[in-house]
């Protein structure tokens, strides 16, 4: 079950770890809530022309990004499954869906990756901790950079999820109407993305 994001974060966070951790967790919850609010046919369908982005593919990609930065870069560990398969450790490949994928399966994949990231962060007292593996052919980023990057990455894709949800709703959510449930856009409305930028 996905926990709904709180209406407001701490207005005066006590420290950097609290501020960055709460902000990232807020966007993680918004992302998970968006995917949990749709059916698999909706989650796996690209509703916009000229892009093959899907809601499920975006969340799957974010699971990869969590593992890429916290496990692969910060800790220098081999990428966990499913990213350890040949060709899987790639940002575009991570958006691809398999025949066995499902909303619940991708939500579990994402939740597990986020929890690994939290444990990795908790291992270090300082956000100045450099990553084990270098990036961009230059040198290692530090934990602070990773946290800010993942807030940026997750917030950007939360916006994409909003747009895809609106597109599904505008196209006519016939399955939801037949089932007597709210349209996709109505379900996403309470996800908290509007208040996140206040």
N, C-alpha and C. Protein backbone atom coordinates (compact mmCIF):
# COMPACT_ATOMS: atom_id res chain seq x y z
N UNK A 1 0.84 -1.20 0.00
CA UNK A 1 0.00 0.00 0.00
C UNK A 1 0.88 1.25 0.00
N UNK A 2 0.53 2.19 -0.84
CA UNK A 2 1.34 3.41 -0.97
C UNK A 2 0.89 4.47 0.02
N UNK A 3 1.86 5.04 0.72
CA UNK A 3 1.55 6.09 1.68
C UNK A 3 1.39 7.42 0.95
N UNK A 4 0.30 8.13 1.23
CA UNK A 4 0.07 9.43 0.60
C UNK A 4 1.07 10.44 1.14
N UNK A 5 1.58 11.32 0.27
CA UNK A 5 2.52 12.34 0.75
C UNK A 5 1.85 13.30 1.71
N UNK A 6 2.63 13.78 2.70
CA UNK A 6 2.09 14.75 3.65
C UNK A 6 1.79 16.06 2.95
N UNK A 7 0.83 16.81 3.49
CA UNK A 7 0.43 18.08 2.88
C UNK A 7 1.59 19.06 2.83
N UNK A 8 2.41 19.09 3.89
CA UNK A 8 3.53 20.02 3.92
C UNK A 8 4.74 19.33 4.54
N UNK A 9 5.89 19.65 4.04
CA UNK A 9 7.12 19.20 4.67
C UNK A 9 7.42 20.10 5.85
N UNK A 10 8.44 19.71 6.64
CA UNK A 10 8.87 20.58 7.73
C UNK A 10 9.27 21.94 7.16
N UNK A 11 8.71 22.99 7.71
CA UNK A 11 9.03 24.33 7.21
C UNK A 11 10.39 24.82 7.70
N UNK A 12 10.87 24.24 8.79
CA UNK A 12 12.20 24.60 9.30
C UNK A 12 12.96 23.32 9.63
N UNK A 13 13.40 22.59 8.60
CA UNK A 13 14.10 21.34 8.86
C UNK A 13 15.35 21.58 9.71
N UNK A 14 15.62 20.64 10.57
CA UNK A 14 16.72 20.81 11.53
C UNK A 14 18.09 20.74 10.88
N UNK A 15 18.21 20.02 9.77
CA UNK A 15 19.52 19.85 9.16
C UNK A 15 19.36 19.44 7.71
N UNK A 16 20.50 19.38 7.03
CA UNK A 16 20.54 19.04 5.60
C UNK A 16 19.97 17.65 5.34
N UNK A 17 20.31 16.69 6.16
CA UNK A 17 19.85 15.32 5.97
C UNK A 17 18.32 15.25 6.04
N UNK A 18 17.74 15.96 7.00
CA UNK A 18 16.28 15.97 7.12
C UNK A 18 15.64 16.65 5.93
N UNK A 19 16.18 17.79 5.54
CA UNK A 19 15.60 18.56 4.44
C UNK A 19 15.63 17.79 3.13
N UNK A 20 16.80 17.26 2.77
CA UNK A 20 16.92 16.55 1.50
C UNK A 20 16.19 15.21 1.54
N UNK A 21 16.28 14.51 2.66
CA UNK A 21 15.62 13.22 2.77
C UNK A 21 14.11 13.33 2.70
N UNK A 22 13.54 14.32 3.39
CA UNK A 22 12.09 14.51 3.35
C UNK A 22 11.63 14.91 1.96
N UNK A 23 12.38 15.78 1.30
CA UNK A 23 11.99 16.23 -0.04
C UNK A 23 12.01 15.07 -1.03
N UNK A 24 13.05 14.25 -0.98
CA UNK A 24 13.13 13.12 -1.89
C UNK A 24 12.02 12.11 -1.60
N UNK A 25 11.79 11.83 -0.32
CA UNK A 25 10.73 10.88 0.03
C UNK A 25 9.35 11.38 -0.38
N UNK A 26 9.15 12.69 -0.33
CA UNK A 26 7.87 13.25 -0.77
C UNK A 26 7.63 12.95 -2.24
N UNK A 27 8.63 13.21 -3.08
CA UNK A 27 8.47 12.95 -4.51
C UNK A 27 8.39 11.45 -4.80
N UNK A 28 9.11 10.66 -4.04
CA UNK A 28 8.97 9.20 -4.20
C UNK A 28 7.53 8.77 -3.95
N UNK A 29 6.91 9.30 -2.92
CA UNK A 29 5.52 8.95 -2.60
C UNK A 29 4.56 9.43 -3.68
N UNK A 30 4.80 10.61 -4.23
CA UNK A 30 3.96 11.13 -5.31
C UNK A 30 4.05 10.22 -6.54
N UNK A 31 5.26 9.80 -6.88
CA UNK A 31 5.48 8.90 -8.01
C UNK A 31 4.74 7.58 -7.81
N UNK A 32 4.93 6.98 -6.65
CA UNK A 32 4.28 5.69 -6.38
C UNK A 32 2.77 5.84 -6.37
N UNK A 33 2.27 6.94 -5.80
CA UNK A 33 0.83 7.16 -5.75
C UNK A 33 0.22 7.32 -7.13
N UNK A 34 0.96 7.97 -8.04
CA UNK A 34 0.46 8.14 -9.41
C UNK A 34 0.31 6.79 -10.11
N UNK A 35 1.31 5.93 -9.98
CA UNK A 35 1.22 4.62 -10.63
C UNK A 35 0.16 3.75 -9.98
N UNK A 36 0.04 3.83 -8.67
CA UNK A 36 -0.95 3.00 -7.96
C UNK A 36 -2.38 3.39 -8.31
N UNK A 37 -2.58 4.58 -8.89
CA UNK A 37 -3.94 5.06 -9.15
C UNK A 37 -4.48 4.62 -10.51
N UNK A 38 -3.69 3.89 -11.28
CA UNK A 38 -4.14 3.48 -12.61
C UNK A 38 -4.10 1.97 -12.76
N UNK A 39 -4.79 1.47 -13.78
CA UNK A 39 -4.78 0.05 -14.10
C UNK A 39 -3.55 -0.26 -14.95
N UNK A 40 -3.24 -1.54 -15.11
CA UNK A 40 -2.10 -1.91 -15.93
C UNK A 40 -2.27 -1.49 -17.39
N UNK A 41 -3.43 -1.68 -18.01
CA UNK A 41 -3.57 -1.19 -19.40
C UNK A 41 -3.29 0.31 -19.52
N UNK A 42 -3.68 1.08 -18.52
CA UNK A 42 -3.41 2.52 -18.54
C UNK A 42 -1.92 2.78 -18.28
N UNK A 43 -1.36 2.10 -17.30
CA UNK A 43 0.04 2.32 -16.91
C UNK A 43 1.00 1.94 -18.02
N UNK A 44 0.64 0.97 -18.84
CA UNK A 44 1.56 0.46 -19.87
C UNK A 44 1.30 1.04 -21.25
N UNK A 45 0.32 1.94 -21.37
CA UNK A 45 -0.02 2.53 -22.67
C UNK A 45 0.63 3.89 -22.84
N UNK A 46 1.26 4.17 -23.98
CA UNK A 46 1.78 5.52 -24.24
C UNK A 46 0.65 6.42 -24.77
N UNK A 47 0.11 7.31 -23.94
CA UNK A 47 -1.07 8.07 -24.35
C UNK A 47 -0.79 9.30 -25.20
N UNK A 48 0.48 9.65 -25.39
CA UNK A 48 0.82 10.85 -26.14
C UNK A 48 1.49 10.50 -27.47
N UNK A 49 1.22 11.25 -28.51
CA UNK A 49 1.91 11.02 -29.78
C UNK A 49 3.38 11.44 -29.68
N UNK A 50 4.20 10.84 -30.51
CA UNK A 50 5.61 11.19 -30.64
C UNK A 50 6.45 10.86 -29.41
N UNK A 51 5.92 10.08 -28.51
CA UNK A 51 6.73 9.58 -27.39
C UNK A 51 6.18 8.22 -26.99
N UNK A 52 7.08 7.34 -26.60
CA UNK A 52 6.64 6.02 -26.12
C UNK A 52 6.67 5.95 -24.60
N UNK A 53 6.73 7.10 -23.93
CA UNK A 53 6.73 7.11 -22.46
C UNK A 53 5.42 6.57 -21.91
N UNK A 54 5.54 5.72 -20.90
CA UNK A 54 4.38 5.21 -20.18
C UNK A 54 4.56 5.48 -18.70
N UNK A 55 3.47 5.47 -17.95
CA UNK A 55 3.57 5.70 -16.51
C UNK A 55 4.39 4.60 -15.85
N UNK A 56 4.15 3.36 -16.25
CA UNK A 56 4.89 2.24 -15.66
C UNK A 56 6.36 2.32 -16.02
N UNK A 57 6.66 2.69 -17.28
CA UNK A 57 8.05 2.79 -17.70
C UNK A 57 8.81 3.85 -16.94
N UNK A 58 8.15 4.97 -16.65
CA UNK A 58 8.81 6.04 -15.89
C UNK A 58 9.16 5.56 -14.48
N UNK A 59 8.24 4.89 -13.81
CA UNK A 59 8.53 4.43 -12.45
C UNK A 59 9.61 3.35 -12.46
N UNK A 60 9.57 2.50 -13.47
CA UNK A 60 10.62 1.48 -13.61
C UNK A 60 11.98 2.15 -13.80
N UNK A 61 12.02 3.19 -14.62
CA UNK A 61 13.26 3.94 -14.84
C UNK A 61 13.75 4.58 -13.54
N UNK A 62 12.83 5.11 -12.74
CA UNK A 62 13.23 5.72 -11.48
C UNK A 62 13.80 4.69 -10.51
N UNK A 63 13.28 3.47 -10.55
CA UNK A 63 13.86 2.39 -9.73
C UNK A 63 15.31 2.15 -10.15
N UNK A 64 15.53 2.13 -11.47
CA UNK A 64 16.90 1.97 -11.98
C UNK A 64 17.79 3.13 -11.51
N UNK A 65 17.29 4.36 -11.60
CA UNK A 65 18.09 5.53 -11.21
C UNK A 65 18.48 5.46 -9.73
N UNK A 66 17.55 5.04 -8.88
CA UNK A 66 17.88 4.87 -7.45
C UNK A 66 19.06 3.92 -7.28
N UNK A 67 18.96 2.76 -7.93
CA UNK A 67 20.03 1.77 -7.79
C UNK A 67 21.31 2.22 -8.47
N UNK A 68 21.20 2.89 -9.59
CA UNK A 68 22.38 3.35 -10.32
C UNK A 68 23.23 4.29 -9.47
N UNK A 69 22.57 5.25 -8.81
CA UNK A 69 23.33 6.26 -8.07
C UNK A 69 23.73 5.81 -6.67
N UNK A 70 22.82 5.16 -5.98
CA UNK A 70 23.13 4.80 -4.59
C UNK A 70 23.92 3.49 -4.49
N UNK A 71 23.59 2.51 -5.30
CA UNK A 71 24.29 1.23 -5.23
C UNK A 71 25.52 1.23 -6.16
N UNK A 72 25.28 1.52 -7.45
CA UNK A 72 26.36 1.42 -8.42
C UNK A 72 27.43 2.48 -8.28
N UNK A 73 27.03 3.74 -7.98
CA UNK A 73 28.00 4.82 -7.90
C UNK A 73 28.48 5.08 -6.47
N UNK A 74 27.55 5.38 -5.56
CA UNK A 74 27.94 5.73 -4.20
C UNK A 74 28.68 4.58 -3.51
N UNK A 75 28.09 3.39 -3.53
CA UNK A 75 28.69 2.25 -2.82
C UNK A 75 29.63 1.43 -3.69
N UNK A 76 29.53 1.59 -5.01
CA UNK A 76 30.40 0.81 -5.89
C UNK A 76 30.06 -0.66 -5.95
N UNK A 77 28.79 -0.99 -5.73
CA UNK A 77 28.34 -2.38 -5.73
C UNK A 77 27.82 -2.77 -7.11
N UNK A 78 27.81 -4.06 -7.41
CA UNK A 78 27.18 -4.51 -8.65
C UNK A 78 25.69 -4.14 -8.63
N UNK A 79 25.15 -3.81 -9.79
CA UNK A 79 23.73 -3.46 -9.86
C UNK A 79 22.88 -4.67 -9.51
N UNK A 80 21.86 -4.47 -8.66
CA UNK A 80 20.99 -5.58 -8.29
C UNK A 80 20.03 -5.93 -9.43
N UNK A 81 19.38 -7.08 -9.29
CA UNK A 81 18.37 -7.48 -10.27
C UNK A 81 17.24 -6.46 -10.27
N UNK A 82 16.64 -6.18 -11.41
CA UNK A 82 16.87 -6.79 -12.73
C UNK A 82 17.93 -6.10 -13.56
N UNK A 83 18.65 -5.16 -12.98
CA UNK A 83 19.60 -4.35 -13.76
C UNK A 83 20.91 -5.08 -14.02
N UNK A 84 21.07 -6.27 -13.46
CA UNK A 84 22.30 -7.04 -13.66
C UNK A 84 22.26 -7.89 -14.92
N UNK A 85 21.11 -7.91 -15.61
CA UNK A 85 21.00 -8.67 -16.85
C UNK A 85 21.70 -7.92 -17.98
N UNK A 86 22.20 -8.63 -18.99
CA UNK A 86 22.88 -7.96 -20.11
C UNK A 86 21.99 -6.90 -20.76
N UNK A 87 22.53 -5.68 -20.87
CA UNK A 87 21.81 -4.59 -21.51
C UNK A 87 20.78 -3.89 -20.65
N UNK A 88 20.57 -4.37 -19.42
CA UNK A 88 19.52 -3.79 -18.57
C UNK A 88 19.97 -2.53 -17.84
N UNK A 89 21.28 -2.39 -17.63
CA UNK A 89 21.80 -1.23 -16.89
C UNK A 89 21.95 -0.05 -17.84
N UNK A 90 20.80 0.50 -18.23
CA UNK A 90 20.76 1.56 -19.22
C UNK A 90 19.49 2.38 -18.99
N UNK A 91 19.57 3.71 -19.03
CA UNK A 91 18.39 4.52 -18.71
C UNK A 91 17.21 4.29 -19.64
N UNK A 92 17.48 4.07 -20.93
CA UNK A 92 16.38 3.83 -21.87
C UNK A 92 15.82 2.43 -21.71
N UNK A 93 16.72 1.45 -21.56
CA UNK A 93 16.25 0.07 -21.37
C UNK A 93 15.42 -0.06 -20.11
N UNK A 94 15.75 0.75 -19.10
CA UNK A 94 15.01 0.67 -17.84
C UNK A 94 13.55 1.10 -17.99
N UNK A 95 13.23 1.85 -19.04
CA UNK A 95 11.84 2.26 -19.28
C UNK A 95 11.04 1.20 -20.02
N UNK A 96 11.72 0.19 -20.55
CA UNK A 96 11.03 -0.85 -21.31
C UNK A 96 10.29 -1.80 -20.38
N UNK A 97 9.10 -2.19 -20.80
CA UNK A 97 8.27 -3.07 -19.99
C UNK A 97 8.31 -4.49 -20.54
N UNK A 98 8.23 -5.46 -19.63
CA UNK A 98 8.21 -6.88 -20.02
C UNK A 98 6.82 -7.45 -19.93
N UNK A 99 6.64 -8.64 -20.49
CA UNK A 99 5.31 -9.26 -20.51
C UNK A 99 4.85 -9.65 -19.11
N UNK A 100 5.77 -9.82 -18.19
CA UNK A 100 5.40 -10.21 -16.83
C UNK A 100 5.27 -9.02 -15.89
N UNK A 101 5.48 -7.81 -16.38
CA UNK A 101 5.38 -6.63 -15.52
C UNK A 101 3.93 -6.35 -15.15
N UNK A 102 3.76 -5.66 -14.03
CA UNK A 102 2.43 -5.28 -13.54
C UNK A 102 2.59 -4.03 -12.69
N UNK A 103 1.47 -3.40 -12.38
CA UNK A 103 1.52 -2.22 -11.50
C UNK A 103 2.13 -2.61 -10.16
N UNK A 104 1.62 -3.67 -9.55
CA UNK A 104 2.14 -4.08 -8.24
C UNK A 104 3.62 -4.46 -8.31
N UNK A 105 4.00 -5.15 -9.38
CA UNK A 105 5.39 -5.57 -9.52
C UNK A 105 6.34 -4.39 -9.63
N UNK A 106 5.96 -3.38 -10.41
CA UNK A 106 6.83 -2.21 -10.57
C UNK A 106 6.82 -1.37 -9.30
N UNK A 107 5.68 -1.28 -8.62
CA UNK A 107 5.65 -0.57 -7.34
C UNK A 107 6.57 -1.25 -6.33
N UNK A 108 6.58 -2.58 -6.30
CA UNK A 108 7.47 -3.31 -5.40
C UNK A 108 8.94 -3.08 -5.77
N UNK A 109 9.23 -3.10 -7.09
CA UNK A 109 10.58 -2.85 -7.56
C UNK A 109 11.06 -1.47 -7.12
N UNK A 110 10.19 -0.48 -7.26
CA UNK A 110 10.54 0.89 -6.89
C UNK A 110 10.71 1.03 -5.38
N UNK A 111 9.77 0.48 -4.62
CA UNK A 111 9.86 0.56 -3.15
C UNK A 111 11.13 -0.09 -2.63
N UNK A 112 11.50 -1.23 -3.21
CA UNK A 112 12.71 -1.94 -2.79
C UNK A 112 13.95 -1.12 -3.11
N UNK A 113 13.98 -0.52 -4.30
CA UNK A 113 15.13 0.31 -4.68
C UNK A 113 15.25 1.53 -3.76
N UNK A 114 14.12 2.17 -3.47
CA UNK A 114 14.14 3.34 -2.58
C UNK A 114 14.63 2.97 -1.18
N UNK A 115 14.23 1.81 -0.70
CA UNK A 115 14.67 1.39 0.63
C UNK A 115 16.17 1.11 0.63
N UNK A 116 16.68 0.51 -0.45
CA UNK A 116 18.13 0.31 -0.55
C UNK A 116 18.86 1.65 -0.53
N UNK A 117 18.27 2.64 -1.21
CA UNK A 117 18.89 3.97 -1.25
C UNK A 117 18.93 4.60 0.14
N UNK A 118 17.83 4.46 0.88
CA UNK A 118 17.81 5.02 2.25
C UNK A 118 18.87 4.38 3.12
N UNK A 119 19.03 3.06 2.99
CA UNK A 119 20.05 2.36 3.79
C UNK A 119 21.45 2.82 3.39
N UNK A 120 21.66 3.03 2.09
CA UNK A 120 22.97 3.50 1.62
C UNK A 120 23.27 4.88 2.19
N UNK A 121 22.29 5.78 2.15
CA UNK A 121 22.47 7.13 2.68
C UNK A 121 22.80 7.08 4.17
N UNK A 122 22.12 6.20 4.90
CA UNK A 122 22.28 6.13 6.35
C UNK A 122 23.66 5.63 6.77
N UNK A 123 24.40 5.04 5.84
CA UNK A 123 25.73 4.52 6.18
C UNK A 123 26.75 5.63 6.42
N UNK A 124 26.46 6.84 5.97
CA UNK A 124 27.46 7.91 6.01
C UNK A 124 26.99 9.07 6.88
N UNK A 125 27.89 9.56 7.72
CA UNK A 125 27.56 10.68 8.59
C UNK A 125 27.55 12.00 7.83
N UNK A 126 28.38 12.09 6.80
CA UNK A 126 28.52 13.36 6.07
C UNK A 126 28.02 13.23 4.65
N UNK A 127 27.32 14.26 4.16
CA UNK A 127 26.88 14.29 2.78
C UNK A 127 28.04 14.65 1.84
N UNK A 128 29.20 14.95 2.41
CA UNK A 128 30.39 15.19 1.61
C UNK A 128 31.08 13.89 1.21
N UNK A 129 30.55 12.76 1.66
CA UNK A 129 31.12 11.45 1.34
C UNK A 129 31.19 11.26 -0.18
N UNK A 130 32.40 11.04 -0.72
CA UNK A 130 32.50 10.83 -2.17
C UNK A 130 32.03 9.44 -2.57
N UNK A 131 31.49 9.34 -3.77
CA UNK A 131 31.09 8.04 -4.30
C UNK A 131 32.32 7.19 -4.60
N UNK A 132 32.16 5.88 -4.56
CA UNK A 132 33.27 4.98 -4.86
C UNK A 132 33.61 5.01 -6.34
N UNK A 133 32.59 5.14 -7.19
CA UNK A 133 32.79 5.09 -8.64
C UNK A 133 32.69 6.50 -9.22
N UNK A 134 33.63 6.83 -10.10
CA UNK A 134 33.64 8.15 -10.74
C UNK A 134 32.49 8.29 -11.74
N UNK A 135 32.12 9.53 -12.02
CA UNK A 135 31.03 9.82 -12.96
C UNK A 135 31.48 10.83 -14.00
N UNK A 136 30.88 10.76 -15.18
CA UNK A 136 31.07 11.73 -16.25
C UNK A 136 32.52 11.80 -16.74
N UNK A 137 33.30 10.76 -16.46
CA UNK A 137 34.68 10.74 -16.90
C UNK A 137 35.56 11.76 -16.21
N UNK A 138 35.08 12.28 -15.09
CA UNK A 138 35.82 13.35 -14.39
C UNK A 138 36.29 12.89 -13.01
N UNK A 139 35.36 12.46 -12.20
CA UNK A 139 35.68 12.05 -10.84
C UNK A 139 34.40 11.71 -10.09
N UNK A 140 34.52 11.36 -8.83
CA UNK A 140 33.33 10.97 -8.08
C UNK A 140 32.49 12.17 -7.64
N UNK A 141 31.20 12.02 -7.73
CA UNK A 141 30.29 12.97 -7.08
C UNK A 141 30.25 12.61 -5.60
N UNK A 142 29.60 13.45 -4.79
CA UNK A 142 29.44 13.07 -3.39
C UNK A 142 27.97 12.79 -3.09
N UNK A 143 27.70 12.36 -1.87
CA UNK A 143 26.34 11.99 -1.48
C UNK A 143 25.40 13.17 -1.59
N UNK A 144 25.86 14.35 -1.29
CA UNK A 144 25.03 15.56 -1.42
C UNK A 144 24.58 15.74 -2.87
N UNK A 145 25.49 15.58 -3.82
CA UNK A 145 25.16 15.70 -5.24
C UNK A 145 24.12 14.65 -5.62
N UNK A 146 24.31 13.43 -5.15
CA UNK A 146 23.37 12.35 -5.48
C UNK A 146 21.98 12.67 -4.95
N UNK A 147 21.89 13.16 -3.72
CA UNK A 147 20.58 13.49 -3.16
C UNK A 147 19.89 14.59 -3.96
N UNK A 148 20.62 15.64 -4.29
CA UNK A 148 20.03 16.74 -5.07
C UNK A 148 19.63 16.24 -6.46
N UNK A 149 20.49 15.44 -7.07
CA UNK A 149 20.18 14.90 -8.39
C UNK A 149 18.92 14.04 -8.36
N UNK A 150 18.79 13.20 -7.35
CA UNK A 150 17.62 12.31 -7.29
C UNK A 150 16.34 13.09 -6.98
N UNK A 151 16.43 14.18 -6.22
CA UNK A 151 15.26 15.04 -6.04
C UNK A 151 14.86 15.62 -7.39
N UNK A 152 15.83 16.13 -8.12
CA UNK A 152 15.57 16.70 -9.45
C UNK A 152 14.97 15.66 -10.39
N UNK A 153 15.59 14.50 -10.46
CA UNK A 153 15.13 13.42 -11.35
C UNK A 153 13.72 12.97 -11.00
N UNK A 154 13.47 12.76 -9.73
CA UNK A 154 12.17 12.23 -9.30
C UNK A 154 11.08 13.28 -9.47
N UNK A 155 11.38 14.54 -9.15
CA UNK A 155 10.39 15.60 -9.32
C UNK A 155 10.05 15.80 -10.80
N UNK A 156 11.07 15.76 -11.65
CA UNK A 156 10.82 15.94 -13.09
C UNK A 156 9.90 14.84 -13.62
N UNK A 157 10.17 13.60 -13.22
CA UNK A 157 9.34 12.50 -13.70
C UNK A 157 7.96 12.48 -13.04
N UNK A 158 7.85 13.03 -11.83
CA UNK A 158 6.52 13.18 -11.23
C UNK A 158 5.66 14.09 -12.10
N UNK A 159 6.27 15.14 -12.66
CA UNK A 159 5.55 16.02 -13.58
C UNK A 159 5.15 15.29 -14.85
N UNK A 160 6.05 14.43 -15.37
CA UNK A 160 5.69 13.63 -16.54
C UNK A 160 4.50 12.73 -16.24
N UNK A 161 4.47 12.15 -15.05
CA UNK A 161 3.36 11.29 -14.67
C UNK A 161 2.05 12.07 -14.63
N UNK A 162 2.09 13.30 -14.16
CA UNK A 162 0.91 14.16 -14.17
C UNK A 162 0.39 14.36 -15.60
N UNK A 163 1.32 14.66 -16.51
CA UNK A 163 0.93 14.90 -17.90
C UNK A 163 0.35 13.64 -18.53
N UNK A 164 0.98 12.50 -18.31
CA UNK A 164 0.47 11.25 -18.87
C UNK A 164 -0.89 10.90 -18.28
N UNK A 165 -1.06 11.15 -16.98
CA UNK A 165 -2.36 10.91 -16.35
C UNK A 165 -3.45 11.79 -16.94
N UNK A 166 -3.12 13.05 -17.16
CA UNK A 166 -4.08 13.97 -17.79
C UNK A 166 -4.43 13.52 -19.21
N UNK A 167 -3.41 13.03 -19.94
CA UNK A 167 -3.65 12.57 -21.31
C UNK A 167 -4.56 11.35 -21.33
N UNK A 168 -4.36 10.45 -20.39
CA UNK A 168 -5.23 9.28 -20.30
C UNK A 168 -6.66 9.70 -20.00
N UNK A 169 -6.80 10.66 -19.08
CA UNK A 169 -8.12 11.14 -18.71
C UNK A 169 -8.80 11.82 -19.88
N UNK A 170 -8.06 12.66 -20.62
CA UNK A 170 -8.63 13.39 -21.75
C UNK A 170 -9.03 12.45 -22.88
N UNK A 171 -8.29 11.36 -23.03
CA UNK A 171 -8.59 10.41 -24.09
C UNK A 171 -9.85 9.61 -23.79
N UNK A 172 -10.30 9.69 -22.59
CA UNK A 172 -11.51 8.96 -22.21
C UNK A 172 -11.17 7.68 -21.48
N UNK A 173 -11.39 7.67 -20.19
CA UNK A 173 -11.07 6.52 -19.37
C UNK A 173 -12.30 5.61 -19.31
N UNK A 174 -12.52 4.87 -20.39
CA UNK A 174 -13.74 4.07 -20.48
C UNK A 174 -13.76 2.95 -19.46
N UNK A 175 -12.59 2.38 -19.17
CA UNK A 175 -12.56 1.29 -18.19
C UNK A 175 -13.00 1.78 -16.82
N UNK A 176 -12.53 2.99 -16.43
CA UNK A 176 -12.91 3.53 -15.14
C UNK A 176 -14.38 3.89 -15.10
N UNK A 177 -14.91 4.42 -16.21
CA UNK A 177 -16.33 4.78 -16.24
C UNK A 177 -17.20 3.54 -16.09
N UNK A 178 -16.81 2.46 -16.77
CA UNK A 178 -17.59 1.23 -16.68
C UNK A 178 -17.56 0.65 -15.27
N UNK A 179 -16.40 0.83 -14.61
CA UNK A 179 -16.27 0.29 -13.26
C UNK A 179 -16.85 1.23 -12.21
N UNK A 180 -17.23 2.44 -12.63
CA UNK A 180 -17.79 3.41 -11.69
C UNK A 180 -16.76 4.05 -10.81
N UNK A 181 -15.48 4.06 -11.24
CA UNK A 181 -14.42 4.68 -10.45
C UNK A 181 -14.05 6.02 -11.07
N UNK A 182 -13.39 6.91 -10.33
CA UNK A 182 -13.03 8.22 -10.86
C UNK A 182 -12.08 8.09 -12.04
N UNK A 183 -12.09 9.08 -12.91
CA UNK A 183 -11.17 9.12 -14.03
C UNK A 183 -9.75 9.30 -13.53
N UNK A 184 -8.78 8.97 -14.37
CA UNK A 184 -7.37 9.02 -13.99
C UNK A 184 -7.00 10.39 -13.45
N UNK A 185 -7.37 11.44 -14.17
CA UNK A 185 -7.02 12.79 -13.73
C UNK A 185 -7.57 13.13 -12.37
N UNK A 186 -8.78 12.66 -12.09
CA UNK A 186 -9.38 12.93 -10.78
C UNK A 186 -8.60 12.23 -9.68
N UNK A 187 -8.12 11.03 -9.96
CA UNK A 187 -7.39 10.29 -8.93
C UNK A 187 -6.02 10.90 -8.68
N UNK A 188 -5.40 11.47 -9.71
CA UNK A 188 -4.08 12.07 -9.54
C UNK A 188 -4.14 13.43 -8.90
N UNK A 189 -5.32 14.04 -8.91
CA UNK A 189 -5.46 15.42 -8.43
C UNK A 189 -5.00 15.58 -6.99
N UNK A 190 -5.23 14.56 -6.18
CA UNK A 190 -4.87 14.66 -4.77
C UNK A 190 -3.47 14.19 -4.46
N UNK A 191 -2.63 14.00 -5.51
CA UNK A 191 -1.31 13.45 -5.25
C UNK A 191 -0.35 14.42 -4.60
N UNK A 192 -0.65 15.73 -4.64
CA UNK A 192 0.18 16.70 -3.92
C UNK A 192 1.24 17.35 -4.76
N UNK A 193 1.25 17.13 -6.09
CA UNK A 193 2.31 17.73 -6.89
C UNK A 193 2.22 19.24 -6.93
N UNK A 194 0.99 19.80 -6.89
CA UNK A 194 0.86 21.25 -6.93
C UNK A 194 1.50 21.91 -5.72
N UNK A 195 1.31 21.32 -4.55
CA UNK A 195 1.85 21.92 -3.34
C UNK A 195 3.33 21.71 -3.16
N UNK A 196 3.91 20.79 -3.98
CA UNK A 196 5.31 20.47 -3.78
C UNK A 196 6.23 21.62 -4.12
N UNK A 197 5.78 22.54 -4.96
CA UNK A 197 6.66 23.62 -5.36
C UNK A 197 6.38 24.92 -4.62
N UNK A 198 5.48 24.88 -3.64
CA UNK A 198 5.16 26.11 -2.88
C UNK A 198 6.39 26.62 -2.14
